[in-house]
Amino acid sequence: MKLLIFGNPLDNRDVLTTFFKSKLVVVDETTDIEEALDLTRFYEYDAVVLRVTDTRPAEIELIRRLRLAGLRCPIMAVAHLLSEATRLRILEAGVDDLIVSAISHEEI
C-alpha cells in the first residue's frame, strides 16, 4: 500500500505517519500543494491522507484541485478539532472520509 500524507503533523509525536509505517505502508509526505499535485500525477497512491486544521485553508484547496485533476483514489482528512463550518467545507470539497479527534488506530 502507498499513501500520500499532506500537511504538518497534528502533534509532536506524529502518530499518523508512525502508525502507517509500522504497518509497512509506503508513505510519501509533503506540506506543499504543488508538490502534492505533482506526486499524484507521477505516482499511483492507494489513498491521500490530509492533516487538517481550522487555521490552514490549503487542505481544502488541495482537495478541490486533486478532484479537478481527476484523482480517483480515496481522500481522507484527519483532524483533532474542527469547526462545523470547516467540516462542511472539507466534505463539500470532495473528501471520502473525515475523522475528527481520532483516538484509536482502528478508526484510521
N, C-alpha and C. Protein backbone atom coordinates (compact mmCIF):
# COMPACT_ATOMS: atom_id res chain seq x y z
N MET A 1 0.84 -1.17 0.00
CA MET A 1 0.00 0.00 0.00
C MET A 1 0.89 1.24 0.00
N LYS A 2 0.45 2.26 -0.73
CA LYS A 2 1.22 3.50 -0.82
C LYS A 2 0.29 4.68 -0.54
N LEU A 3 0.70 5.55 0.40
CA LEU A 3 -0.10 6.70 0.79
C LEU A 3 0.67 7.99 0.58
N LEU A 4 -0.07 9.05 0.29
CA LEU A 4 0.47 10.40 0.31
C LEU A 4 -0.15 11.10 1.51
N ILE A 5 0.69 11.62 2.40
CA ILE A 5 0.20 12.36 3.56
C ILE A 5 0.56 13.82 3.36
N PHE A 6 -0.44 14.69 3.44
CA PHE A 6 -0.25 16.12 3.23
C PHE A 6 -0.52 16.88 4.52
N GLY A 7 0.32 17.85 4.82
CA GLY A 7 0.10 18.74 5.95
C GLY A 7 1.11 18.55 7.05
N ASN A 8 1.12 19.51 7.95
CA ASN A 8 2.02 19.45 9.10
C ASN A 8 1.49 18.46 10.12
N PRO A 9 2.38 17.79 10.85
CA PRO A 9 1.92 16.87 11.90
C PRO A 9 0.97 17.58 12.87
N LEU A 10 -0.06 16.87 13.29
CA LEU A 10 -1.04 17.46 14.19
C LEU A 10 -0.53 17.58 15.62
N ASP A 11 0.52 16.84 15.94
CA ASP A 11 1.13 16.94 17.26
C ASP A 11 2.61 16.59 17.14
N ASN A 12 3.34 16.73 18.21
CA ASN A 12 4.78 16.50 18.18
C ASN A 12 5.15 15.04 17.96
N ARG A 13 4.25 14.13 18.25
CA ARG A 13 4.55 12.70 18.13
C ARG A 13 4.36 12.17 16.71
N ASP A 14 3.57 12.85 15.90
CA ASP A 14 3.27 12.42 14.53
C ASP A 14 2.88 10.95 14.48
N VAL A 15 1.87 10.60 15.25
CA VAL A 15 1.43 9.21 15.35
C VAL A 15 0.87 8.68 14.03
N LEU A 16 0.37 9.54 13.19
CA LEU A 16 -0.23 9.10 11.93
C LEU A 16 0.82 8.42 11.04
N THR A 17 1.91 9.11 10.78
CA THR A 17 2.96 8.54 9.94
C THR A 17 3.59 7.32 10.60
N THR A 18 3.85 7.41 11.89
CA THR A 18 4.44 6.29 12.61
C THR A 18 3.55 5.05 12.53
N PHE A 19 2.25 5.25 12.69
CA PHE A 19 1.32 4.13 12.62
C PHE A 19 1.35 3.47 11.24
N PHE A 20 1.23 4.25 10.19
CA PHE A 20 1.22 3.67 8.84
C PHE A 20 2.52 2.96 8.52
N LYS A 21 3.64 3.56 8.89
CA LYS A 21 4.93 2.92 8.61
C LYS A 21 5.09 1.62 9.40
N SER A 22 4.51 1.56 10.60
CA SER A 22 4.58 0.33 11.39
C SER A 22 3.80 -0.81 10.73
N LYS A 23 2.87 -0.45 9.87
CA LYS A 23 2.08 -1.44 9.12
C LYS A 23 2.70 -1.71 7.75
N LEU A 24 3.95 -1.25 7.55
CA LEU A 24 4.71 -1.44 6.32
C LEU A 24 4.08 -0.75 5.11
N VAL A 25 3.40 0.35 5.37
CA VAL A 25 2.83 1.17 4.30
C VAL A 25 3.93 2.10 3.79
N VAL A 26 4.02 2.26 2.48
CA VAL A 26 4.96 3.22 1.90
C VAL A 26 4.30 4.59 2.00
N VAL A 27 5.00 5.53 2.64
CA VAL A 27 4.42 6.85 2.90
C VAL A 27 5.29 7.93 2.26
N ASP A 28 4.66 8.76 1.43
CA ASP A 28 5.27 9.99 0.94
C ASP A 28 4.60 11.13 1.68
N GLU A 29 5.38 12.12 2.10
CA GLU A 29 4.83 13.25 2.85
C GLU A 29 5.24 14.57 2.22
N THR A 30 4.34 15.54 2.28
CA THR A 30 4.65 16.89 1.83
C THR A 30 3.74 17.88 2.54
N THR A 31 4.19 19.12 2.59
CA THR A 31 3.37 20.21 3.11
C THR A 31 3.10 21.25 2.03
N ASP A 32 3.52 20.95 0.80
CA ASP A 32 3.40 21.89 -0.31
C ASP A 32 2.34 21.41 -1.30
N ILE A 33 1.38 22.27 -1.62
CA ILE A 33 0.29 21.89 -2.52
C ILE A 33 0.80 21.47 -3.89
N GLU A 34 1.68 22.26 -4.46
CA GLU A 34 2.18 21.95 -5.81
C GLU A 34 2.93 20.61 -5.83
N GLU A 35 3.71 20.36 -4.79
CA GLU A 35 4.41 19.08 -4.71
C GLU A 35 3.42 17.92 -4.59
N ALA A 36 2.37 18.11 -3.80
CA ALA A 36 1.35 17.07 -3.65
C ALA A 36 0.68 16.79 -5.00
N LEU A 37 0.37 17.83 -5.74
CA LEU A 37 -0.24 17.64 -7.06
C LEU A 37 0.71 16.91 -8.01
N ASP A 38 1.98 17.29 -7.98
CA ASP A 38 2.97 16.61 -8.82
C ASP A 38 3.11 15.14 -8.44
N LEU A 39 3.17 14.86 -7.15
CA LEU A 39 3.30 13.47 -6.70
C LEU A 39 2.13 12.62 -7.17
N THR A 40 0.91 13.17 -7.11
CA THR A 40 -0.25 12.39 -7.54
C THR A 40 -0.29 12.22 -9.05
N ARG A 41 0.38 13.10 -9.79
CA ARG A 41 0.47 12.94 -11.24
C ARG A 41 1.46 11.84 -11.63
N PHE A 42 2.54 11.74 -10.87
CA PHE A 42 3.63 10.83 -11.24
C PHE A 42 3.56 9.47 -10.55
N TYR A 43 2.87 9.37 -9.44
CA TYR A 43 2.79 8.11 -8.69
C TYR A 43 1.34 7.73 -8.47
N GLU A 44 1.11 6.44 -8.35
CA GLU A 44 -0.23 5.95 -8.07
C GLU A 44 -0.34 5.66 -6.58
N TYR A 45 -1.25 6.34 -5.92
CA TYR A 45 -1.45 6.16 -4.48
C TYR A 45 -2.74 5.38 -4.23
N ASP A 46 -2.72 4.62 -3.14
CA ASP A 46 -3.93 3.92 -2.73
C ASP A 46 -4.88 4.86 -2.01
N ALA A 47 -4.32 5.92 -1.41
CA ALA A 47 -5.14 6.93 -0.73
C ALA A 47 -4.28 8.16 -0.46
N VAL A 48 -4.96 9.28 -0.27
CA VAL A 48 -4.32 10.52 0.15
C VAL A 48 -4.90 10.87 1.51
N VAL A 49 -4.02 11.15 2.47
CA VAL A 49 -4.44 11.49 3.83
C VAL A 49 -4.03 12.94 4.09
N LEU A 50 -4.99 13.74 4.52
CA LEU A 50 -4.73 15.15 4.80
C LEU A 50 -4.81 15.41 6.28
N ARG A 51 -3.80 16.06 6.82
CA ARG A 51 -3.86 16.55 8.20
C ARG A 51 -4.51 17.94 8.11
N VAL A 52 -5.67 18.08 8.72
CA VAL A 52 -6.46 19.29 8.54
C VAL A 52 -6.52 20.10 9.83
N THR A 53 -6.47 21.43 9.69
CA THR A 53 -6.68 22.34 10.82
C THR A 53 -7.63 23.45 10.40
N ASP A 54 -8.23 24.10 11.38
CA ASP A 54 -9.11 25.23 11.10
C ASP A 54 -8.35 26.43 10.56
N THR A 55 -7.09 26.53 10.91
CA THR A 55 -6.33 27.74 10.59
C THR A 55 -5.64 27.69 9.24
N ARG A 56 -5.69 26.58 8.55
CA ARG A 56 -4.98 26.46 7.28
C ARG A 56 -5.93 26.01 6.17
N PRO A 57 -6.34 26.91 5.30
CA PRO A 57 -7.28 26.55 4.24
C PRO A 57 -6.65 25.80 3.07
N ALA A 58 -5.34 25.58 3.10
CA ALA A 58 -4.65 24.92 1.98
C ALA A 58 -5.19 23.52 1.72
N GLU A 59 -5.60 22.82 2.75
CA GLU A 59 -6.09 21.46 2.58
C GLU A 59 -7.35 21.43 1.72
N ILE A 60 -8.24 22.39 1.93
CA ILE A 60 -9.48 22.45 1.16
C ILE A 60 -9.16 22.74 -0.31
N GLU A 61 -8.23 23.64 -0.54
CA GLU A 61 -7.80 23.94 -1.91
C GLU A 61 -7.19 22.71 -2.57
N LEU A 62 -6.38 21.97 -1.83
CA LEU A 62 -5.77 20.76 -2.38
C LEU A 62 -6.83 19.72 -2.73
N ILE A 63 -7.81 19.53 -1.88
CA ILE A 63 -8.89 18.56 -2.17
C ILE A 63 -9.56 18.92 -3.49
N ARG A 64 -9.92 20.18 -3.65
CA ARG A 64 -10.58 20.62 -4.89
C ARG A 64 -9.70 20.38 -6.11
N ARG A 65 -8.43 20.74 -5.99
CA ARG A 65 -7.52 20.61 -7.13
C ARG A 65 -7.25 19.14 -7.47
N LEU A 66 -7.18 18.28 -6.45
CA LEU A 66 -7.00 16.85 -6.72
C LEU A 66 -8.21 16.28 -7.45
N ARG A 67 -9.39 16.65 -7.02
CA ARG A 67 -10.60 16.16 -7.67
C ARG A 67 -10.73 16.72 -9.09
N LEU A 68 -10.41 18.00 -9.27
CA LEU A 68 -10.45 18.59 -10.61
C LEU A 68 -9.45 17.93 -11.55
N ALA A 69 -8.32 17.48 -11.00
CA ALA A 69 -7.30 16.81 -11.80
C ALA A 69 -7.69 15.37 -12.12
N GLY A 70 -8.79 14.91 -11.55
CA GLY A 70 -9.28 13.56 -11.85
C GLY A 70 -8.77 12.47 -10.93
N LEU A 71 -8.20 12.83 -9.78
CA LEU A 71 -7.72 11.82 -8.85
C LEU A 71 -8.88 10.97 -8.37
N ARG A 72 -8.74 9.65 -8.49
CA ARG A 72 -9.84 8.77 -8.14
C ARG A 72 -9.64 8.01 -6.85
N CYS A 73 -8.42 8.04 -6.30
CA CYS A 73 -8.20 7.30 -5.06
C CYS A 73 -8.89 8.01 -3.90
N PRO A 74 -9.17 7.30 -2.83
CA PRO A 74 -9.83 7.91 -1.67
C PRO A 74 -8.98 9.03 -1.05
N ILE A 75 -9.67 10.07 -0.60
CA ILE A 75 -9.03 11.16 0.13
C ILE A 75 -9.65 11.17 1.52
N MET A 76 -8.78 11.08 2.54
CA MET A 76 -9.23 11.06 3.93
C MET A 76 -8.63 12.26 4.66
N ALA A 77 -9.45 12.97 5.40
CA ALA A 77 -8.98 14.10 6.20
C ALA A 77 -9.02 13.71 7.67
N VAL A 78 -7.95 14.05 8.39
CA VAL A 78 -7.82 13.74 9.81
C VAL A 78 -7.53 15.03 10.56
N ALA A 79 -8.24 15.24 11.67
CA ALA A 79 -8.04 16.47 12.45
C ALA A 79 -8.30 16.21 13.92
N HIS A 80 -7.70 17.06 14.76
CA HIS A 80 -8.00 16.99 16.19
C HIS A 80 -9.33 17.67 16.48
N LEU A 81 -9.46 18.91 16.08
CA LEU A 81 -10.68 19.67 16.29
C LEU A 81 -10.97 20.51 15.05
N LEU A 82 -12.24 20.60 14.67
CA LEU A 82 -12.63 21.44 13.55
C LEU A 82 -13.97 22.07 13.84
N SER A 83 -14.15 23.28 13.36
CA SER A 83 -15.46 23.92 13.49
C SER A 83 -16.42 23.22 12.52
N GLU A 84 -17.70 23.39 12.78
CA GLU A 84 -18.70 22.78 11.91
C GLU A 84 -18.58 23.33 10.49
N ALA A 85 -18.33 24.62 10.36
CA ALA A 85 -18.20 25.23 9.03
C ALA A 85 -17.03 24.63 8.26
N THR A 86 -15.92 24.41 8.92
CA THR A 86 -14.76 23.81 8.25
C THR A 86 -15.04 22.37 7.87
N ARG A 87 -15.70 21.62 8.73
CA ARG A 87 -16.06 20.24 8.39
C ARG A 87 -16.92 20.20 7.14
N LEU A 88 -17.89 21.09 7.05
CA LEU A 88 -18.76 21.13 5.87
C LEU A 88 -17.98 21.50 4.61
N ARG A 89 -17.08 22.48 4.71
CA ARG A 89 -16.27 22.87 3.54
C ARG A 89 -15.39 21.71 3.07
N ILE A 90 -14.83 20.97 4.00
CA ILE A 90 -13.98 19.83 3.65
C ILE A 90 -14.80 18.75 2.95
N LEU A 91 -15.95 18.44 3.48
CA LEU A 91 -16.81 17.43 2.86
C LEU A 91 -17.30 17.88 1.49
N GLU A 92 -17.67 19.15 1.36
CA GLU A 92 -18.12 19.67 0.07
C GLU A 92 -17.01 19.70 -0.96
N ALA A 93 -15.77 19.83 -0.51
CA ALA A 93 -14.63 19.87 -1.43
C ALA A 93 -14.36 18.51 -2.07
N GLY A 94 -14.83 17.43 -1.43
CA GLY A 94 -14.72 16.13 -2.07
C GLY A 94 -13.97 15.04 -1.33
N VAL A 95 -13.79 15.17 -0.01
CA VAL A 95 -13.13 14.07 0.70
C VAL A 95 -14.07 12.88 0.79
N ASP A 96 -13.48 11.71 0.90
CA ASP A 96 -14.27 10.49 1.05
C ASP A 96 -14.57 10.20 2.51
N ASP A 97 -13.68 10.65 3.40
CA ASP A 97 -13.88 10.40 4.82
C ASP A 97 -13.23 11.51 5.63
N LEU A 98 -13.86 11.87 6.72
CA LEU A 98 -13.35 12.90 7.63
C LEU A 98 -13.38 12.34 9.04
N ILE A 99 -12.20 12.27 9.66
CA ILE A 99 -12.10 11.77 11.03
C ILE A 99 -11.64 12.92 11.90
N VAL A 100 -12.47 13.30 12.87
CA VAL A 100 -12.13 14.38 13.79
C VAL A 100 -11.90 13.78 15.16
N SER A 101 -10.80 14.18 15.79
CA SER A 101 -10.41 13.67 17.11
C SER A 101 -10.26 12.16 17.11
N ALA A 102 -9.53 11.66 16.12
CA ALA A 102 -9.26 10.22 16.07
C ALA A 102 -8.48 9.81 17.30
N ILE A 103 -9.01 8.83 18.02
CA ILE A 103 -8.34 8.43 19.25
C ILE A 103 -7.82 7.00 19.19
N SER A 104 -8.16 6.28 18.13
CA SER A 104 -7.66 4.91 18.04
C SER A 104 -7.18 4.63 16.62
N HIS A 105 -6.22 3.73 16.51
CA HIS A 105 -5.70 3.36 15.20
C HIS A 105 -6.76 2.64 14.36
N GLU A 106 -7.66 1.93 15.00
CA GLU A 106 -8.71 1.23 14.28
C GLU A 106 -9.60 2.20 13.53
N GLU A 107 -9.81 3.37 14.10
CA GLU A 107 -10.65 4.37 13.47
C GLU A 107 -10.02 4.87 12.17
N ILE A 108 -8.69 4.94 12.15
CA ILE A 108 -7.98 5.41 10.95
C ILE A 108 -7.95 4.29 9.94
